[in-house]
Amino acid sequence: SRSSFAALAVLAVAACAPSGVSYNKDVQPILSKNCSECHAPGQKGFEASGLDTTSYQALMKGGKFGQLIKPGDAFSSSLNMLVEGRAHSSIRMPHGREKLPDRDIEKLKVWVNEGAKNN
């Protein structure tokens, strides 16, 4: 029947993307490895942007230019735009380094789309 086909199609798409992304297990390690070296109090990235990526609370607070994360909306969240390179290439993050691996970019996207929870 048509409805079972539609359900299978949804399952097939969902299987390709990570889900149930956890801040503590998935997101914080990405930030620690790639962002916190500069985006921590006293560091260059923090001085320039006001963004501190060393804790959930600081990350959600944002920086000098406002919030970087809109829970539920990775497309318009600045954090996602910056790591995906959708903002100007001169400000792609991590700055002056290789782009994040696609799987990390995808995890950040799913985490934000799932509500950017402190989990």
N, C-alpha and C. Protein backbone atom coordinates (compact mmCIF):
# COMPACT_ATOMS: atom_id res chain seq x y z
N SER A 1 0.84 -1.21 0.00
CA SER A 1 0.00 0.00 0.00
C SER A 1 0.87 1.25 0.00
N ARG A 2 0.25 2.35 -0.36
CA ARG A 2 1.00 3.61 -0.46
C ARG A 2 1.55 4.08 0.89
N SER A 3 0.77 3.94 1.94
CA SER A 3 1.23 4.46 3.24
C SER A 3 2.44 3.69 3.75
N SER A 4 2.51 2.39 3.51
CA SER A 4 3.69 1.66 3.97
C SER A 4 4.91 2.03 3.14
N PHE A 5 4.72 2.34 1.86
CA PHE A 5 5.83 2.80 1.04
C PHE A 5 6.36 4.14 1.56
N ALA A 6 5.46 5.05 1.90
CA ALA A 6 5.86 6.36 2.42
C ALA A 6 6.63 6.20 3.74
N ALA A 7 6.16 5.30 4.58
CA ALA A 7 6.84 5.06 5.86
C ALA A 7 8.25 4.52 5.62
N LEU A 8 8.39 3.60 4.66
CA LEU A 8 9.71 3.06 4.33
C LEU A 8 10.64 4.13 3.79
N ALA A 9 10.12 5.01 2.96
CA ALA A 9 10.93 6.10 2.39
C ALA A 9 11.45 7.00 3.51
N VAL A 10 10.59 7.31 4.46
CA VAL A 10 11.00 8.15 5.59
C VAL A 10 12.09 7.45 6.41
N LEU A 11 11.90 6.17 6.65
CA LEU A 11 12.90 5.41 7.40
C LEU A 11 14.23 5.36 6.67
N ALA A 12 14.20 5.19 5.36
CA ALA A 12 15.44 5.13 4.58
C ALA A 12 16.21 6.44 4.67
N VAL A 13 15.51 7.55 4.59
CA VAL A 13 16.17 8.86 4.69
C VAL A 13 16.72 9.06 6.10
N ALA A 14 15.93 8.71 7.10
CA ALA A 14 16.36 8.89 8.49
C ALA A 14 17.60 8.05 8.81
N ALA A 15 17.72 6.89 8.17
CA ALA A 15 18.86 6.00 8.45
C ALA A 15 20.18 6.61 7.98
N CYS A 16 20.12 7.51 7.02
CA CYS A 16 21.34 8.11 6.47
C CYS A 16 21.89 9.21 7.36
N ALA A 17 21.02 9.89 8.09
CA ALA A 17 21.45 11.02 8.91
C ALA A 17 21.56 10.57 10.37
N PRO A 18 22.57 11.07 11.07
CA PRO A 18 22.63 10.73 12.50
C PRO A 18 21.44 11.36 13.21
N SER A 19 20.98 10.73 14.27
CA SER A 19 19.93 11.35 15.07
C SER A 19 20.24 11.06 16.53
N GLY A 20 19.53 11.74 17.41
CA GLY A 20 19.81 11.55 18.82
C GLY A 20 21.22 12.02 19.15
N VAL A 21 21.64 13.12 18.53
CA VAL A 21 22.98 13.64 18.77
C VAL A 21 23.01 14.29 20.15
N SER A 22 24.03 13.95 20.91
CA SER A 22 24.17 14.42 22.29
C SER A 22 25.22 15.52 22.39
N TYR A 23 24.90 16.55 23.17
CA TYR A 23 25.88 17.62 23.39
C TYR A 23 27.15 17.06 24.03
N ASN A 24 26.96 16.30 25.12
CA ASN A 24 28.12 15.80 25.87
C ASN A 24 28.94 14.77 25.11
N LYS A 25 28.27 13.87 24.41
CA LYS A 25 28.95 12.76 23.73
C LYS A 25 29.48 13.16 22.35
N ASP A 26 28.72 14.00 21.63
CA ASP A 26 29.05 14.29 20.23
C ASP A 26 29.54 15.72 19.98
N VAL A 27 28.82 16.69 20.51
CA VAL A 27 29.09 18.10 20.18
C VAL A 27 30.29 18.66 20.94
N GLN A 28 30.32 18.47 22.26
CA GLN A 28 31.42 19.03 23.05
C GLN A 28 32.79 18.53 22.57
N PRO A 29 32.96 17.24 22.24
CA PRO A 29 34.27 16.80 21.72
C PRO A 29 34.67 17.52 20.42
N ILE A 30 33.70 17.79 19.54
CA ILE A 30 34.00 18.53 18.30
C ILE A 30 34.45 19.94 18.64
N LEU A 31 33.74 20.60 19.55
CA LEU A 31 34.09 21.97 19.94
C LEU A 31 35.45 22.00 20.64
N SER A 32 35.68 21.05 21.53
CA SER A 32 36.96 21.02 22.27
C SER A 32 38.14 20.85 21.31
N LYS A 33 37.97 19.99 20.33
CA LYS A 33 39.05 19.69 19.40
C LYS A 33 39.30 20.82 18.41
N ASN A 34 38.23 21.51 17.98
CA ASN A 34 38.36 22.43 16.86
C ASN A 34 38.13 23.90 17.17
N CYS A 35 37.48 24.22 18.28
CA CYS A 35 37.03 25.60 18.51
C CYS A 35 37.58 26.24 19.78
N SER A 36 37.66 25.43 20.85
CA SER A 36 37.94 25.99 22.18
C SER A 36 39.35 26.54 22.34
N GLU A 37 40.25 26.15 21.45
CA GLU A 37 41.61 26.68 21.50
C GLU A 37 41.60 28.21 21.31
N CYS A 38 40.71 28.69 20.43
CA CYS A 38 40.60 30.14 20.17
C CYS A 38 39.40 30.76 20.88
N HIS A 39 38.29 30.01 20.93
CA HIS A 39 37.05 30.55 21.49
C HIS A 39 36.91 30.18 22.96
N ALA A 40 37.83 30.74 23.76
CA ALA A 40 37.81 30.59 25.22
C ALA A 40 38.28 31.92 25.79
N PRO A 41 37.82 32.28 26.98
CA PRO A 41 38.24 33.56 27.56
C PRO A 41 39.75 33.75 27.51
N GLY A 42 40.18 34.93 27.04
CA GLY A 42 41.60 35.25 26.95
C GLY A 42 42.23 34.87 25.61
N GLN A 43 41.50 34.13 24.76
CA GLN A 43 42.05 33.71 23.47
C GLN A 43 41.56 34.63 22.34
N LYS A 44 42.26 34.53 21.19
CA LYS A 44 42.01 35.40 20.04
C LYS A 44 40.57 35.38 19.54
N GLY A 45 40.02 34.20 19.35
CA GLY A 45 38.65 34.08 18.85
C GLY A 45 37.63 34.66 19.81
N PHE A 46 37.88 34.49 21.10
CA PHE A 46 36.98 35.04 22.10
C PHE A 46 37.06 36.56 22.10
N GLU A 47 38.28 37.09 22.03
CA GLU A 47 38.46 38.55 22.00
C GLU A 47 37.74 39.16 20.80
N ALA A 48 37.84 38.50 19.64
CA ALA A 48 37.24 39.03 18.42
C ALA A 48 35.71 38.91 18.41
N SER A 49 35.19 37.80 18.93
CA SER A 49 33.76 37.53 18.76
C SER A 49 32.95 37.50 20.05
N GLY A 50 33.63 37.34 21.18
CA GLY A 50 32.92 37.19 22.45
C GLY A 50 32.36 35.79 22.64
N LEU A 51 32.65 34.87 21.70
CA LEU A 51 32.11 33.50 21.81
C LEU A 51 33.06 32.60 22.59
N ASP A 52 32.48 31.94 23.58
CA ASP A 52 33.21 30.96 24.40
C ASP A 52 32.57 29.60 24.14
N THR A 53 33.35 28.66 23.61
CA THR A 53 32.80 27.33 23.29
C THR A 53 33.18 26.28 24.33
N THR A 54 33.61 26.71 25.51
CA THR A 54 34.08 25.75 26.50
C THR A 54 32.98 25.15 27.36
N SER A 55 31.77 25.70 27.31
CA SER A 55 30.66 25.11 28.06
C SER A 55 29.35 25.31 27.30
N TYR A 56 28.37 24.49 27.62
CA TYR A 56 27.06 24.60 26.97
C TYR A 56 26.46 25.99 27.20
N GLN A 57 26.50 26.44 28.46
CA GLN A 57 25.89 27.72 28.81
C GLN A 57 26.53 28.87 28.01
N ALA A 58 27.86 28.86 27.93
CA ALA A 58 28.57 29.92 27.20
C ALA A 58 28.26 29.86 25.71
N LEU A 59 28.24 28.66 25.16
CA LEU A 59 27.94 28.48 23.74
C LEU A 59 26.55 29.02 23.41
N MET A 60 25.57 28.70 24.23
CA MET A 60 24.20 29.12 23.97
C MET A 60 24.01 30.62 24.19
N LYS A 61 24.85 31.21 25.01
CA LYS A 61 24.76 32.65 25.26
C LYS A 61 25.13 33.43 24.01
N GLY A 62 26.08 32.89 23.24
CA GLY A 62 26.50 33.57 22.02
C GLY A 62 27.65 34.50 22.26
N GLY A 63 27.75 35.54 21.43
CA GLY A 63 28.88 36.44 21.52
C GLY A 63 28.47 37.87 21.25
N LYS A 64 29.43 38.68 20.85
CA LYS A 64 29.21 40.10 20.59
C LYS A 64 28.15 40.34 19.52
N PHE A 65 27.97 39.37 18.63
CA PHE A 65 27.04 39.55 17.51
C PHE A 65 25.73 38.81 17.74
N GLY A 66 25.48 38.44 18.99
CA GLY A 66 24.23 37.76 19.34
C GLY A 66 24.38 36.26 19.41
N GLN A 67 23.24 35.59 19.46
CA GLN A 67 23.23 34.13 19.56
C GLN A 67 23.74 33.51 18.27
N LEU A 68 24.50 32.43 18.41
CA LEU A 68 25.00 31.71 17.24
C LEU A 68 24.17 30.48 16.93
N ILE A 69 23.31 30.12 17.88
CA ILE A 69 22.52 28.90 17.72
C ILE A 69 21.05 29.22 17.90
N LYS A 70 20.25 28.83 16.89
CA LYS A 70 18.80 28.93 16.98
C LYS A 70 18.29 27.50 17.10
N PRO A 71 17.96 27.05 18.33
CA PRO A 71 17.52 25.67 18.50
C PRO A 71 16.39 25.32 17.53
N GLY A 72 16.57 24.18 16.85
CA GLY A 72 15.58 23.72 15.89
C GLY A 72 15.80 24.23 14.48
N ASP A 73 16.79 25.11 14.28
CA ASP A 73 16.97 25.73 12.97
C ASP A 73 18.45 25.88 12.60
N ALA A 74 19.05 24.77 12.17
CA ALA A 74 20.47 24.80 11.80
C ALA A 74 20.71 25.66 10.55
N PHE A 75 19.69 25.76 9.69
CA PHE A 75 19.90 26.50 8.45
C PHE A 75 20.22 27.97 8.72
N SER A 76 19.56 28.57 9.72
CA SER A 76 19.82 29.98 9.98
C SER A 76 20.67 30.23 11.23
N SER A 77 21.22 29.16 11.82
CA SER A 77 22.12 29.32 12.97
C SER A 77 23.52 29.68 12.48
N SER A 78 24.06 30.76 13.03
CA SER A 78 25.38 31.23 12.61
C SER A 78 26.46 30.18 12.80
N LEU A 79 26.40 29.43 13.89
CA LEU A 79 27.40 28.38 14.13
C LEU A 79 27.48 27.44 12.92
N ASN A 80 26.31 26.98 12.46
CA ASN A 80 26.28 26.05 11.33
C ASN A 80 26.75 26.74 10.04
N MET A 81 26.32 27.96 9.82
CA MET A 81 26.75 28.70 8.63
C MET A 81 28.27 28.84 8.59
N LEU A 82 28.86 29.13 9.75
CA LEU A 82 30.31 29.36 9.82
C LEU A 82 31.11 28.08 9.59
N VAL A 83 30.69 26.97 10.19
CA VAL A 83 31.47 25.73 10.00
C VAL A 83 31.20 25.10 8.64
N GLU A 84 30.02 25.35 8.08
CA GLU A 84 29.70 24.80 6.76
C GLU A 84 30.29 25.64 5.63
N GLY A 85 30.74 26.85 5.95
CA GLY A 85 31.28 27.72 4.91
C GLY A 85 30.20 28.45 4.13
N ARG A 86 28.98 28.53 4.70
CA ARG A 86 27.89 29.25 4.02
C ARG A 86 27.98 30.74 4.25
N ALA A 87 28.71 31.16 5.29
CA ALA A 87 29.01 32.57 5.47
C ALA A 87 30.21 32.85 4.55
N HIS A 88 30.73 34.05 4.53
CA HIS A 88 31.86 34.37 3.65
C HIS A 88 33.05 33.46 3.95
N SER A 89 33.74 33.00 2.91
CA SER A 89 34.85 32.05 3.08
C SER A 89 35.94 32.57 4.01
N SER A 90 36.09 33.89 4.10
CA SER A 90 37.14 34.46 4.96
C SER A 90 36.85 34.24 6.44
N ILE A 91 35.60 33.92 6.78
CA ILE A 91 35.27 33.70 8.19
C ILE A 91 34.79 32.27 8.45
N ARG A 92 35.09 31.35 7.52
CA ARG A 92 34.74 29.94 7.78
C ARG A 92 35.51 29.47 9.01
N MET A 93 34.86 28.70 9.85
CA MET A 93 35.50 28.19 11.05
C MET A 93 35.77 26.69 10.89
N PRO A 94 36.82 26.18 11.51
CA PRO A 94 37.83 26.90 12.28
C PRO A 94 38.69 27.79 11.37
N HIS A 95 38.93 29.00 11.83
CA HIS A 95 39.61 30.02 11.04
C HIS A 95 41.05 29.62 10.71
N GLY A 96 41.38 29.71 9.42
CA GLY A 96 42.75 29.42 9.00
C GLY A 96 43.14 27.96 9.10
N ARG A 97 42.17 27.09 9.27
CA ARG A 97 42.43 25.66 9.39
C ARG A 97 41.60 24.90 8.38
N GLU A 98 41.86 23.60 8.31
CA GLU A 98 41.07 22.76 7.42
C GLU A 98 39.62 22.72 7.89
N LYS A 99 38.72 22.60 6.92
CA LYS A 99 37.29 22.50 7.21
C LYS A 99 37.03 21.28 8.10
N LEU A 100 36.02 21.37 8.95
CA LEU A 100 35.64 20.22 9.77
C LEU A 100 35.24 19.05 8.88
N PRO A 101 35.47 17.83 9.35
CA PRO A 101 35.01 16.66 8.58
C PRO A 101 33.49 16.72 8.40
N ASP A 102 33.00 16.24 7.27
CA ASP A 102 31.56 16.27 6.97
C ASP A 102 30.72 15.64 8.09
N ARG A 103 31.22 14.54 8.67
CA ARG A 103 30.42 13.89 9.72
C ARG A 103 30.26 14.79 10.94
N ASP A 104 31.28 15.61 11.25
CA ASP A 104 31.17 16.54 12.38
C ASP A 104 30.21 17.68 12.05
N ILE A 105 30.29 18.17 10.83
CA ILE A 105 29.36 19.23 10.38
C ILE A 105 27.93 18.72 10.46
N GLU A 106 27.74 17.48 10.04
CA GLU A 106 26.40 16.86 10.07
C GLU A 106 25.91 16.68 11.50
N LYS A 107 26.80 16.26 12.40
CA LYS A 107 26.41 16.11 13.81
C LYS A 107 25.97 17.44 14.40
N LEU A 108 26.71 18.50 14.12
CA LEU A 108 26.34 19.83 14.63
C LEU A 108 24.98 20.25 14.08
N LYS A 109 24.75 19.97 12.80
CA LYS A 109 23.48 20.33 12.16
C LYS A 109 22.33 19.59 12.81
N VAL A 110 22.48 18.28 12.99
CA VAL A 110 21.42 17.48 13.59
C VAL A 110 21.17 17.92 15.04
N TRP A 111 22.24 18.18 15.78
CA TRP A 111 22.09 18.60 17.18
C TRP A 111 21.27 19.89 17.26
N VAL A 112 21.58 20.86 16.43
CA VAL A 112 20.82 22.12 16.44
C VAL A 112 19.37 21.86 16.01
N ASN A 113 19.19 21.09 14.94
CA ASN A 113 17.83 20.81 14.46
C ASN A 113 17.01 20.03 15.48
N GLU A 114 17.66 19.23 16.31
CA GLU A 114 16.95 18.48 17.35
C GLU A 114 16.72 19.32 18.60
N GLY A 115 17.03 20.61 18.53
CA GLY A 115 16.72 21.51 19.65
C GLY A 115 17.91 21.99 20.44
N ALA A 116 19.13 21.65 20.01
CA ALA A 116 20.37 22.10 20.69
C ALA A 116 20.28 21.87 22.20
N LYS A 117 19.91 20.66 22.56
CA LYS A 117 19.72 20.34 23.98
C LYS A 117 21.04 20.12 24.73
N ASN A 118 20.99 20.37 26.02
CA ASN A 118 22.13 20.10 26.90
C ASN A 118 22.00 18.66 27.38
N ASN A 119 22.37 17.73 26.49
CA ASN A 119 22.18 16.30 26.80
C ASN A 119 23.45 15.51 26.66
